[in-house]
Structures are given as C-alpha cells and as structure tokens.
Amino acid sequence: DHRMTSSHDQTGRSARLRWVPIADMRVDPVAQRQLKQPRVDYLAANFDLESIGYPTLNQRADGHWYIIDGQHRVAALRQIGWGDQQIQCQTYVGLSVADEAATFLRLNNNLRVSAFSKFVVAVTSGDPVSCDIDRVVRAQGLVIANTGVEGGIRAVSALAKVYDRGGAEALARTL
C-alpha cells in the first residue's frame, strides 16, 4: 500500500529516500506527460542542486526504476553531464502503472504560486531586478499591492516586461 499511515506520535510513509543511479532511471510514456525540452533547457541553464528536490521513482517487477515525478529534472541532470551520478530520490517498490499515475496526480495537485506572490517573495529574498522594480514604483509615489489600495499596482508581470525591455528609466517613464 502506497498510502500514508499514522499512529499517535509518528507518521509513516511507504516511500523511502534512497540513492539511485541516474543511468538506471526510465520514463514510461504511458504513465508520464510528454517531455518539454524548453523546460529541460531552462533547468539545465539555471541548475541548482538544492532546488531540484527529490524525484519520485518506482522500482517495477522488471527491476528498473521508472520516474513518477521529476522527468524534467532528471533530463536536465543528464543534459549537464551528470548521467553517471546518483541522486537521492523518493522511491516506491512494486507500484502498478495505475498507482504510478495516481501518485503523479497526487504529487502535482498543488496550487500554482501567483506572479504577485513570487514577486513579493523575490523582493524579500533581495532579487536585484525585483527590488529595482519595487524601488522605481515607490519612487513614483506608487506601491505594489494585491488589494485595491490607492496608488497600488498588482500587475507585477506587466511591470517586469516593461523593465526587461527598457530598464528602470523606461519603467519610470511608463508609470
């Protein structure tokens, strides 16, 4: 059974964290979404080992490891030349293809982080571009706000596009 079980004081999982050779990982096209090479290229170009998390795998009866979740991350690792390495993964043993698909859906049943929330967190983290956009907005007597505050701007994606095309001066002129 691949469901979580619990008792009074501890929670158990049937998935186990273990090191798996990248070369041993396979993708079943029936149980996985189609690989998007631009996503792989982006992950490879912006590689950060700490942000890849733990791919989720299942060891089938044939002994091979099939990727349930993380095929883009694993493809990016191969693309940067790590195909001969091992990485830590959440692993199951003996799930059916249907169970793999259900696990994928469960793992990917989350809310997307809004552009506004990402922007606010980026400012908090000190991201230079986001902080500069925030500075330009404030210098114009405006504020980035997700509510109907007077002088508030919530269209952070539009601000970022103007900034990307012309820098701080273009954003200031536009505002």
N, C-alpha and C. Protein backbone atom coordinates (compact mmCIF):
# COMPACT_ATOMS: atom_id res chain seq x y z
N ASP A 1 0.85 -1.19 0.00
CA ASP A 1 0.00 0.00 0.00
C ASP A 1 0.89 1.24 0.00
N HIS A 2 0.61 2.17 -0.87
CA HIS A 2 1.44 3.36 -1.00
C HIS A 2 0.85 4.57 -0.29
N ARG A 3 -0.12 4.37 0.55
CA ARG A 3 -0.73 5.49 1.26
C ARG A 3 -0.04 5.71 2.61
N MET A 4 -0.16 6.94 3.09
CA MET A 4 0.46 7.27 4.38
C MET A 4 -0.34 6.61 5.51
N THR A 5 0.38 6.14 6.51
CA THR A 5 -0.25 5.59 7.71
C THR A 5 0.26 6.38 8.89
N SER A 6 -0.52 6.42 9.95
CA SER A 6 -0.05 7.17 11.10
C SER A 6 -0.51 6.53 12.40
N SER A 7 0.17 6.90 13.46
CA SER A 7 -0.21 6.49 14.80
C SER A 7 -0.18 7.74 15.66
N HIS A 8 -0.22 7.59 16.96
CA HIS A 8 -0.24 8.74 17.86
C HIS A 8 0.91 9.70 17.63
N ASP A 9 2.09 9.18 17.56
CA ASP A 9 3.27 10.03 17.63
C ASP A 9 4.19 9.98 16.42
N GLN A 10 3.82 9.26 15.39
CA GLN A 10 4.67 9.26 14.21
C GLN A 10 3.85 8.97 12.96
N THR A 11 4.39 9.46 11.86
CA THR A 11 3.74 9.25 10.58
C THR A 11 4.69 8.42 9.73
N GLY A 12 4.16 7.38 9.15
CA GLY A 12 4.99 6.52 8.32
C GLY A 12 4.64 6.70 6.85
N ARG A 13 5.61 6.50 6.02
CA ARG A 13 5.42 6.57 4.57
C ARG A 13 5.93 5.26 3.99
N SER A 14 5.30 4.88 2.90
CA SER A 14 5.82 3.70 2.23
C SER A 14 6.94 4.08 1.27
N ALA A 15 7.02 5.36 0.87
CA ALA A 15 8.14 5.81 0.04
C ALA A 15 9.38 5.92 0.91
N ARG A 16 10.51 5.57 0.34
CA ARG A 16 11.78 5.63 1.06
C ARG A 16 12.76 6.49 0.28
N LEU A 17 13.54 7.27 1.00
CA LEU A 17 14.58 8.07 0.39
C LEU A 17 15.79 7.17 0.16
N ARG A 18 16.27 7.13 -1.10
CA ARG A 18 17.46 6.32 -1.38
C ARG A 18 18.20 6.90 -2.58
N TRP A 19 19.47 6.52 -2.68
CA TRP A 19 20.32 6.94 -3.79
C TRP A 19 20.06 6.01 -4.97
N VAL A 20 19.80 6.61 -6.13
CA VAL A 20 19.53 5.83 -7.34
C VAL A 20 20.40 6.38 -8.47
N PRO A 21 21.09 5.51 -9.21
CA PRO A 21 21.87 5.98 -10.35
C PRO A 21 20.95 6.59 -11.42
N ILE A 22 21.31 7.76 -11.90
CA ILE A 22 20.53 8.43 -12.93
C ILE A 22 20.43 7.54 -14.17
N ALA A 23 21.49 6.84 -14.47
CA ALA A 23 21.50 5.97 -15.66
C ALA A 23 20.46 4.86 -15.57
N ASP A 24 20.01 4.51 -14.36
CA ASP A 24 19.04 3.44 -14.18
C ASP A 24 17.59 3.93 -14.25
N MET A 25 17.39 5.22 -14.44
CA MET A 25 16.04 5.78 -14.43
C MET A 25 15.44 5.76 -15.83
N ARG A 26 14.19 5.37 -15.90
CA ARG A 26 13.47 5.29 -17.17
C ARG A 26 12.17 6.08 -17.09
N VAL A 27 11.65 6.41 -18.26
CA VAL A 27 10.35 7.10 -18.35
C VAL A 27 9.41 6.20 -19.13
N ASP A 28 8.24 5.97 -18.57
CA ASP A 28 7.20 5.23 -19.27
C ASP A 28 6.27 6.26 -19.91
N PRO A 29 6.26 6.36 -21.24
CA PRO A 29 5.44 7.40 -21.88
C PRO A 29 3.94 7.26 -21.61
N VAL A 30 3.50 6.09 -21.21
CA VAL A 30 2.08 5.89 -20.89
C VAL A 30 1.74 6.52 -19.54
N ALA A 31 2.69 6.47 -18.62
CA ALA A 31 2.44 6.95 -17.26
C ALA A 31 2.98 8.35 -17.01
N GLN A 32 3.62 8.97 -17.98
CA GLN A 32 4.22 10.30 -17.80
C GLN A 32 3.71 11.25 -18.85
N ARG A 33 3.74 12.53 -18.50
CA ARG A 33 3.42 13.55 -19.50
C ARG A 33 4.59 13.65 -20.48
N GLN A 34 4.35 14.33 -21.58
CA GLN A 34 5.37 14.48 -22.61
C GLN A 34 6.48 15.40 -22.11
N LEU A 35 7.72 15.03 -22.43
CA LEU A 35 8.87 15.83 -22.05
C LEU A 35 8.86 17.14 -22.83
N LYS A 36 9.08 18.24 -22.13
CA LYS A 36 9.14 19.56 -22.77
C LYS A 36 10.59 20.02 -22.73
N GLN A 37 11.26 19.92 -23.88
CA GLN A 37 12.69 20.24 -23.94
C GLN A 37 13.00 21.67 -23.48
N PRO A 38 12.17 22.68 -23.78
CA PRO A 38 12.47 24.02 -23.26
C PRO A 38 12.55 24.05 -21.72
N ARG A 39 11.72 23.25 -21.06
CA ARG A 39 11.77 23.19 -19.59
C ARG A 39 13.09 22.55 -19.14
N VAL A 40 13.51 21.50 -19.83
CA VAL A 40 14.79 20.85 -19.52
C VAL A 40 15.92 21.83 -19.73
N ASP A 41 15.90 22.56 -20.85
CA ASP A 41 16.95 23.55 -21.14
C ASP A 41 17.01 24.61 -20.06
N TYR A 42 15.84 25.08 -19.62
CA TYR A 42 15.80 26.10 -18.56
C TYR A 42 16.41 25.55 -17.26
N LEU A 43 16.00 24.35 -16.86
CA LEU A 43 16.54 23.76 -15.63
C LEU A 43 18.04 23.55 -15.72
N ALA A 44 18.51 23.11 -16.88
CA ALA A 44 19.95 22.89 -17.06
C ALA A 44 20.72 24.21 -17.01
N ALA A 45 20.18 25.24 -17.67
CA ALA A 45 20.86 26.54 -17.71
C ALA A 45 20.87 27.22 -16.35
N ASN A 46 19.87 26.92 -15.52
CA ASN A 46 19.75 27.54 -14.19
C ASN A 46 19.93 26.50 -13.10
N PHE A 47 20.82 25.57 -13.33
CA PHE A 47 20.97 24.42 -12.44
C PHE A 47 21.32 24.84 -11.01
N ASP A 48 20.57 24.29 -10.08
CA ASP A 48 20.82 24.48 -8.65
C ASP A 48 20.42 23.17 -7.97
N LEU A 49 21.41 22.43 -7.51
CA LEU A 49 21.16 21.11 -6.93
C LEU A 49 20.15 21.17 -5.79
N GLU A 50 20.18 22.22 -5.00
CA GLU A 50 19.28 22.33 -3.86
C GLU A 50 17.82 22.52 -4.27
N SER A 51 17.58 23.01 -5.48
CA SER A 51 16.20 23.29 -5.87
C SER A 51 15.55 22.16 -6.67
N ILE A 52 16.29 21.09 -6.95
CA ILE A 52 15.67 20.02 -7.74
C ILE A 52 14.83 19.07 -6.90
N GLY A 53 14.95 19.16 -5.59
CA GLY A 53 14.15 18.29 -4.74
C GLY A 53 14.52 16.84 -4.94
N TYR A 54 13.57 15.97 -4.69
CA TYR A 54 13.79 14.54 -4.82
C TYR A 54 12.84 13.99 -5.87
N PRO A 55 13.37 13.58 -7.02
CA PRO A 55 12.49 12.92 -7.98
C PRO A 55 11.82 11.71 -7.31
N THR A 56 10.66 11.34 -7.79
CA THR A 56 9.93 10.20 -7.24
C THR A 56 9.96 9.07 -8.25
N LEU A 57 10.37 7.90 -7.80
CA LEU A 57 10.56 6.74 -8.67
C LEU A 57 9.82 5.52 -8.14
N ASN A 58 9.60 4.58 -9.03
CA ASN A 58 9.04 3.28 -8.65
C ASN A 58 9.91 2.19 -9.28
N GLN A 59 10.28 1.23 -8.45
CA GLN A 59 11.00 0.08 -8.99
C GLN A 59 9.97 -0.99 -9.34
N ARG A 60 9.86 -1.25 -10.64
CA ARG A 60 8.89 -2.23 -11.12
C ARG A 60 9.46 -3.64 -11.00
N ALA A 61 8.60 -4.59 -11.27
CA ALA A 61 8.98 -6.00 -11.15
C ALA A 61 10.17 -6.35 -12.04
N ASP A 62 10.36 -5.58 -13.15
CA ASP A 62 11.49 -5.87 -14.04
C ASP A 62 12.82 -5.36 -13.47
N GLY A 63 12.77 -4.72 -12.27
CA GLY A 63 13.98 -4.25 -11.61
C GLY A 63 14.39 -2.85 -11.99
N HIS A 64 13.76 -2.25 -12.98
CA HIS A 64 14.12 -0.91 -13.43
C HIS A 64 13.36 0.15 -12.63
N TRP A 65 14.01 1.31 -12.54
CA TRP A 65 13.42 2.46 -11.85
C TRP A 65 12.69 3.33 -12.86
N TYR A 66 11.41 3.55 -12.66
CA TYR A 66 10.60 4.39 -13.54
C TYR A 66 10.27 5.69 -12.82
N ILE A 67 10.44 6.79 -13.54
CA ILE A 67 10.19 8.11 -12.96
C ILE A 67 8.69 8.34 -12.88
N ILE A 68 8.23 8.63 -11.67
CA ILE A 68 6.83 9.01 -11.44
C ILE A 68 6.71 10.52 -11.56
N ASP A 69 7.63 11.23 -10.92
CA ASP A 69 7.62 12.70 -10.92
C ASP A 69 9.06 13.17 -10.94
N GLY A 70 9.40 14.06 -11.88
CA GLY A 70 10.75 14.61 -11.93
C GLY A 70 11.48 14.33 -13.23
N GLN A 71 10.77 13.91 -14.27
CA GLN A 71 11.47 13.58 -15.51
C GLN A 71 12.21 14.77 -16.11
N HIS A 72 11.68 15.99 -15.96
CA HIS A 72 12.37 17.16 -16.49
C HIS A 72 13.65 17.44 -15.70
N ARG A 73 13.57 17.26 -14.39
CA ARG A 73 14.76 17.47 -13.55
C ARG A 73 15.83 16.43 -13.86
N VAL A 74 15.42 15.18 -14.02
CA VAL A 74 16.37 14.12 -14.35
C VAL A 74 16.97 14.36 -15.74
N ALA A 75 16.17 14.76 -16.71
CA ALA A 75 16.68 15.06 -18.05
C ALA A 75 17.68 16.22 -18.00
N ALA A 76 17.42 17.21 -17.15
CA ALA A 76 18.35 18.33 -17.00
C ALA A 76 19.67 17.85 -16.40
N LEU A 77 19.60 16.94 -15.44
CA LEU A 77 20.83 16.39 -14.86
C LEU A 77 21.64 15.65 -15.92
N ARG A 78 20.96 14.90 -16.76
CA ARG A 78 21.66 14.22 -17.86
C ARG A 78 22.27 15.25 -18.81
N GLN A 79 21.52 16.30 -19.10
CA GLN A 79 21.98 17.32 -20.05
C GLN A 79 23.23 18.04 -19.56
N ILE A 80 23.37 18.23 -18.26
CA ILE A 80 24.56 18.92 -17.74
C ILE A 80 25.73 17.96 -17.51
N GLY A 81 25.53 16.69 -17.90
CA GLY A 81 26.63 15.75 -17.81
C GLY A 81 26.66 14.90 -16.55
N TRP A 82 25.56 14.85 -15.82
CA TRP A 82 25.51 14.09 -14.58
C TRP A 82 24.88 12.70 -14.76
N GLY A 83 24.78 12.22 -15.98
CA GLY A 83 24.13 10.95 -16.24
C GLY A 83 24.78 9.76 -15.56
N ASP A 84 26.05 9.92 -15.14
CA ASP A 84 26.75 8.84 -14.46
C ASP A 84 26.72 8.98 -12.93
N GLN A 85 25.96 9.93 -12.43
CA GLN A 85 25.88 10.18 -10.98
C GLN A 85 24.68 9.46 -10.36
N GLN A 86 24.64 9.48 -9.03
CA GLN A 86 23.46 9.01 -8.28
C GLN A 86 22.86 10.22 -7.59
N ILE A 87 21.54 10.22 -7.46
CA ILE A 87 20.87 11.27 -6.71
C ILE A 87 19.87 10.65 -5.75
N GLN A 88 19.56 11.39 -4.70
CA GLN A 88 18.57 10.91 -3.76
C GLN A 88 17.18 11.08 -4.35
N CYS A 89 16.36 10.06 -4.18
CA CYS A 89 15.01 10.06 -4.72
C CYS A 89 14.04 9.49 -3.68
N GLN A 90 12.79 9.91 -3.78
CA GLN A 90 11.72 9.23 -3.04
C GLN A 90 11.40 8.00 -3.88
N THR A 91 11.43 6.85 -3.27
CA THR A 91 11.26 5.63 -4.05
C THR A 91 10.14 4.75 -3.51
N TYR A 92 9.47 4.12 -4.43
CA TYR A 92 8.47 3.09 -4.14
C TYR A 92 8.96 1.81 -4.80
N VAL A 93 8.42 0.70 -4.36
CA VAL A 93 8.74 -0.58 -4.98
C VAL A 93 7.43 -1.30 -5.27
N GLY A 94 7.27 -1.71 -6.53
CA GLY A 94 6.16 -2.56 -6.90
C GLY A 94 4.82 -1.90 -7.16
N LEU A 95 4.80 -0.59 -7.39
CA LEU A 95 3.53 0.04 -7.74
C LEU A 95 3.13 -0.39 -9.15
N SER A 96 1.84 -0.45 -9.39
CA SER A 96 1.35 -0.69 -10.75
C SER A 96 1.48 0.62 -11.53
N VAL A 97 1.33 0.54 -12.85
CA VAL A 97 1.35 1.74 -13.68
C VAL A 97 0.22 2.67 -13.26
N ALA A 98 -0.93 2.11 -12.93
CA ALA A 98 -2.07 2.93 -12.48
C ALA A 98 -1.72 3.63 -11.17
N ASP A 99 -1.04 2.93 -10.25
CA ASP A 99 -0.63 3.55 -8.99
C ASP A 99 0.40 4.65 -9.24
N GLU A 100 1.30 4.43 -10.20
CA GLU A 100 2.28 5.47 -10.55
C GLU A 100 1.55 6.72 -11.03
N ALA A 101 0.58 6.53 -11.91
CA ALA A 101 -0.17 7.67 -12.44
C ALA A 101 -0.93 8.39 -11.34
N ALA A 102 -1.55 7.63 -10.44
CA ALA A 102 -2.29 8.23 -9.32
C ALA A 102 -1.33 8.99 -8.40
N THR A 103 -0.15 8.46 -8.19
CA THR A 103 0.85 9.13 -7.35
C THR A 103 1.30 10.42 -8.01
N PHE A 104 1.54 10.39 -9.32
CA PHE A 104 1.90 11.61 -10.06
C PHE A 104 0.83 12.68 -9.86
N LEU A 105 -0.43 12.30 -10.02
CA LEU A 105 -1.52 13.27 -9.86
C LEU A 105 -1.57 13.82 -8.44
N ARG A 106 -1.37 12.97 -7.46
CA ARG A 106 -1.39 13.40 -6.06
C ARG A 106 -0.23 14.36 -5.78
N LEU A 107 0.95 14.04 -6.30
CA LEU A 107 2.12 14.89 -6.07
C LEU A 107 2.01 16.24 -6.79
N ASN A 108 1.25 16.29 -7.85
CA ASN A 108 1.13 17.51 -8.64
C ASN A 108 -0.21 18.21 -8.46
N ASN A 109 -0.89 17.90 -7.40
CA ASN A 109 -2.17 18.52 -7.08
C ASN A 109 -1.92 19.68 -6.11
N ASN A 110 -1.27 20.71 -6.64
CA ASN A 110 -0.96 21.86 -5.79
C ASN A 110 -1.35 23.14 -6.50
N LEU A 111 -1.43 24.17 -5.72
CA LEU A 111 -1.75 25.48 -6.29
C LEU A 111 -0.50 26.10 -6.87
N ARG A 112 -0.64 26.71 -8.01
CA ARG A 112 0.48 27.44 -8.59
C ARG A 112 0.68 28.72 -7.78
N VAL A 113 1.91 29.10 -7.62
CA VAL A 113 2.22 30.34 -6.93
C VAL A 113 1.98 31.48 -7.91
N SER A 114 1.19 32.46 -7.51
CA SER A 114 0.85 33.56 -8.40
C SER A 114 2.08 34.43 -8.70
N ALA A 115 2.04 35.12 -9.82
CA ALA A 115 3.12 36.04 -10.18
C ALA A 115 3.31 37.09 -9.09
N PHE A 116 2.19 37.55 -8.51
CA PHE A 116 2.28 38.56 -7.45
C PHE A 116 3.03 37.99 -6.24
N SER A 117 2.65 36.79 -5.81
CA SER A 117 3.31 36.18 -4.64
C SER A 117 4.79 35.93 -4.91
N LYS A 118 5.12 35.46 -6.11
CA LYS A 118 6.52 35.24 -6.46
C LYS A 118 7.30 36.56 -6.41
N PHE A 119 6.67 37.64 -6.90
CA PHE A 119 7.34 38.94 -6.91
C PHE A 119 7.63 39.40 -5.48
N VAL A 120 6.63 39.31 -4.61
CA VAL A 120 6.80 39.74 -3.22
C VAL A 120 7.92 38.93 -2.55
N VAL A 121 7.93 37.64 -2.77
CA VAL A 121 8.97 36.79 -2.18
C VAL A 121 10.33 37.13 -2.80
N ALA A 122 10.37 37.42 -4.10
CA ALA A 122 11.63 37.79 -4.74
C ALA A 122 12.19 39.08 -4.15
N VAL A 123 11.32 40.05 -3.87
CA VAL A 123 11.78 41.29 -3.22
C VAL A 123 12.33 40.96 -1.84
N THR A 124 11.62 40.14 -1.10
CA THR A 124 12.08 39.75 0.24
C THR A 124 13.43 39.05 0.18
N SER A 125 13.65 38.24 -0.87
CA SER A 125 14.91 37.50 -0.98
C SER A 125 16.06 38.38 -1.45
N GLY A 126 15.75 39.60 -1.88
CA GLY A 126 16.79 40.50 -2.35
C GLY A 126 17.11 40.38 -3.82
N ASP A 127 16.23 39.76 -4.60
CA ASP A 127 16.45 39.63 -6.04
C ASP A 127 16.65 41.03 -6.63
N PRO A 128 17.78 41.28 -7.28
CA PRO A 128 18.10 42.64 -7.74
C PRO A 128 17.06 43.25 -8.69
N VAL A 129 16.56 42.49 -9.65
CA VAL A 129 15.59 43.04 -10.60
C VAL A 129 14.28 43.37 -9.89
N SER A 130 13.79 42.45 -9.08
CA SER A 130 12.53 42.70 -8.37
C SER A 130 12.66 43.88 -7.42
N CYS A 131 13.78 43.97 -6.73
CA CYS A 131 14.00 45.10 -5.81
C CYS A 131 14.07 46.42 -6.57
N ASP A 132 14.68 46.39 -7.76
CA ASP A 132 14.78 47.62 -8.55
C ASP A 132 13.40 48.03 -9.05
N ILE A 133 12.59 47.08 -9.50
CA ILE A 133 11.23 47.38 -9.92
C ILE A 133 10.46 48.01 -8.76
N ASP A 134 10.56 47.40 -7.59
CA ASP A 134 9.89 47.92 -6.40
C ASP A 134 10.37 49.35 -6.08
N ARG A 135 11.66 49.59 -6.19
CA ARG A 135 12.23 50.92 -5.93
C ARG A 135 11.67 51.95 -6.90
N VAL A 136 11.61 51.59 -8.20
CA VAL A 136 11.10 52.51 -9.22
C VAL A 136 9.63 52.83 -8.95
N VAL A 137 8.85 51.82 -8.62
CA VAL A 137 7.42 52.03 -8.33
C VAL A 137 7.26 52.98 -7.16
N ARG A 138 8.01 52.75 -6.08
CA ARG A 138 7.92 53.61 -4.89
C ARG A 138 8.38 55.04 -5.19
N ALA A 139 9.41 55.16 -6.04
CA ALA A 139 9.92 56.50 -6.39
C ALA A 139 8.86 57.31 -7.15
N GLN A 140 7.90 56.64 -7.76
CA GLN A 140 6.82 57.32 -8.48
C GLN A 140 5.63 57.60 -7.56
N GLY A 141 5.79 57.32 -6.27
CA GLY A 141 4.70 57.55 -5.32
C GLY A 141 3.64 56.47 -5.35
N LEU A 142 3.98 55.33 -5.91
CA LEU A 142 3.05 54.21 -6.02
C LEU A 142 3.53 53.07 -5.13
N VAL A 143 2.74 52.04 -5.05
CA VAL A 143 3.11 50.89 -4.22
C VAL A 143 2.62 49.61 -4.91
N ILE A 144 3.36 48.56 -4.73
CA ILE A 144 2.92 47.26 -5.24
C ILE A 144 2.03 46.65 -4.18
N ALA A 145 0.78 46.40 -4.55
CA ALA A 145 -0.21 45.90 -3.59
C ALA A 145 -1.18 44.98 -4.29
N ASN A 146 -1.61 43.96 -3.60
CA ASN A 146 -2.55 42.98 -4.16
C ASN A 146 -3.99 43.32 -3.83
N THR A 147 -4.21 44.47 -3.23
CA THR A 147 -5.56 44.90 -2.88
C THR A 147 -5.84 46.24 -3.55
N GLY A 148 -7.05 46.72 -3.40
CA GLY A 148 -7.45 47.97 -4.03
C GLY A 148 -6.94 49.20 -3.32
N VAL A 149 -5.70 49.27 -2.96
CA VAL A 149 -5.09 50.42 -2.29
C VAL A 149 -4.88 51.52 -3.32
N GLU A 150 -5.18 52.76 -2.94
CA GLU A 150 -4.95 53.87 -3.85
C GLU A 150 -3.47 53.95 -4.20
N GLY A 151 -3.19 54.04 -5.50
CA GLY A 151 -1.81 54.07 -5.96
C GLY A 151 -1.16 52.69 -5.99
N GLY A 152 -1.97 51.67 -5.78
CA GLY A 152 -1.44 50.31 -5.75
C GLY A 152 -1.41 49.68 -7.14
N ILE A 153 -0.38 48.94 -7.39
CA ILE A 153 -0.24 48.22 -8.66
C ILE A 153 -0.10 46.74 -8.33
N ARG A 154 -0.93 45.92 -8.96
CA ARG A 154 -0.80 44.48 -8.75
C ARG A 154 -0.31 43.76 -9.99
N ALA A 155 -0.19 44.46 -11.09
CA ALA A 155 0.22 43.85 -12.36
C ALA A 155 1.74 43.73 -12.44
N VAL A 156 2.30 42.89 -11.58
CA VAL A 156 3.75 42.78 -11.50
C VAL A 156 4.36 42.17 -12.77
N SER A 157 3.64 41.31 -13.45
CA SER A 157 4.17 40.74 -14.71
C SER A 157 4.34 41.84 -15.75
N ALA A 158 3.39 42.76 -15.82
CA ALA A 158 3.50 43.88 -16.76
C ALA A 158 4.67 44.79 -16.39
N LEU A 159 4.84 45.04 -15.10
CA LEU A 159 5.98 45.85 -14.65
C LEU A 159 7.29 45.19 -15.07
N ALA A 160 7.38 43.88 -14.88
CA ALA A 160 8.60 43.15 -15.23
C ALA A 160 8.87 43.19 -16.73
N LYS A 161 7.82 43.10 -17.55
CA LYS A 161 8.01 43.16 -19.00
C LYS A 161 8.55 44.51 -19.43
N VAL A 162 7.98 45.58 -18.89
CA VAL A 162 8.47 46.92 -19.24
C VAL A 162 9.92 47.06 -18.78
N TYR A 163 10.21 46.60 -17.58
CA TYR A 163 11.57 46.69 -17.04
C TYR A 163 12.54 45.88 -17.91
N ASP A 164 12.15 44.68 -18.30
CA ASP A 164 13.02 43.82 -19.12
C ASP A 164 13.32 44.46 -20.47
N ARG A 165 12.37 45.17 -21.02
CA ARG A 165 12.56 45.77 -22.35
C ARG A 165 13.36 47.07 -22.31
N GLY A 166 13.23 47.84 -21.21
CA GLY A 166 13.90 49.15 -21.23
C GLY A 166 14.57 49.58 -19.95
N GLY A 167 14.57 48.73 -18.95
CA GLY A 167 15.25 49.07 -17.71
C GLY A 167 14.44 50.00 -16.83
N ALA A 168 15.11 50.48 -15.77
CA ALA A 168 14.47 51.31 -14.76
C ALA A 168 13.92 52.62 -15.33
N GLU A 169 14.67 53.23 -16.27
CA GLU A 169 14.22 54.50 -16.83
C GLU A 169 12.92 54.31 -17.62
N ALA A 170 12.84 53.29 -18.41
CA ALA A 170 11.63 53.04 -19.19
C ALA A 170 10.44 52.75 -18.27
N LEU A 171 10.68 52.01 -17.20
CA LEU A 171 9.60 51.73 -16.26
C LEU A 171 9.14 53.00 -15.58
N ALA A 172 10.07 53.85 -15.17
CA ALA A 172 9.70 55.13 -14.53
C ALA A 172 8.88 55.99 -15.49
N ARG A 173 9.30 56.08 -16.76
CA ARG A 173 8.56 56.89 -17.74
C ARG A 173 7.15 56.32 -17.94
N THR A 174 7.05 54.99 -18.01
CA THR A 174 5.76 54.35 -18.22
C THR A 174 4.81 54.60 -17.05
N LEU A 175 5.35 54.55 -15.84
CA LEU A 175 4.50 54.78 -14.67
C LEU A 175 4.10 56.24 -14.58
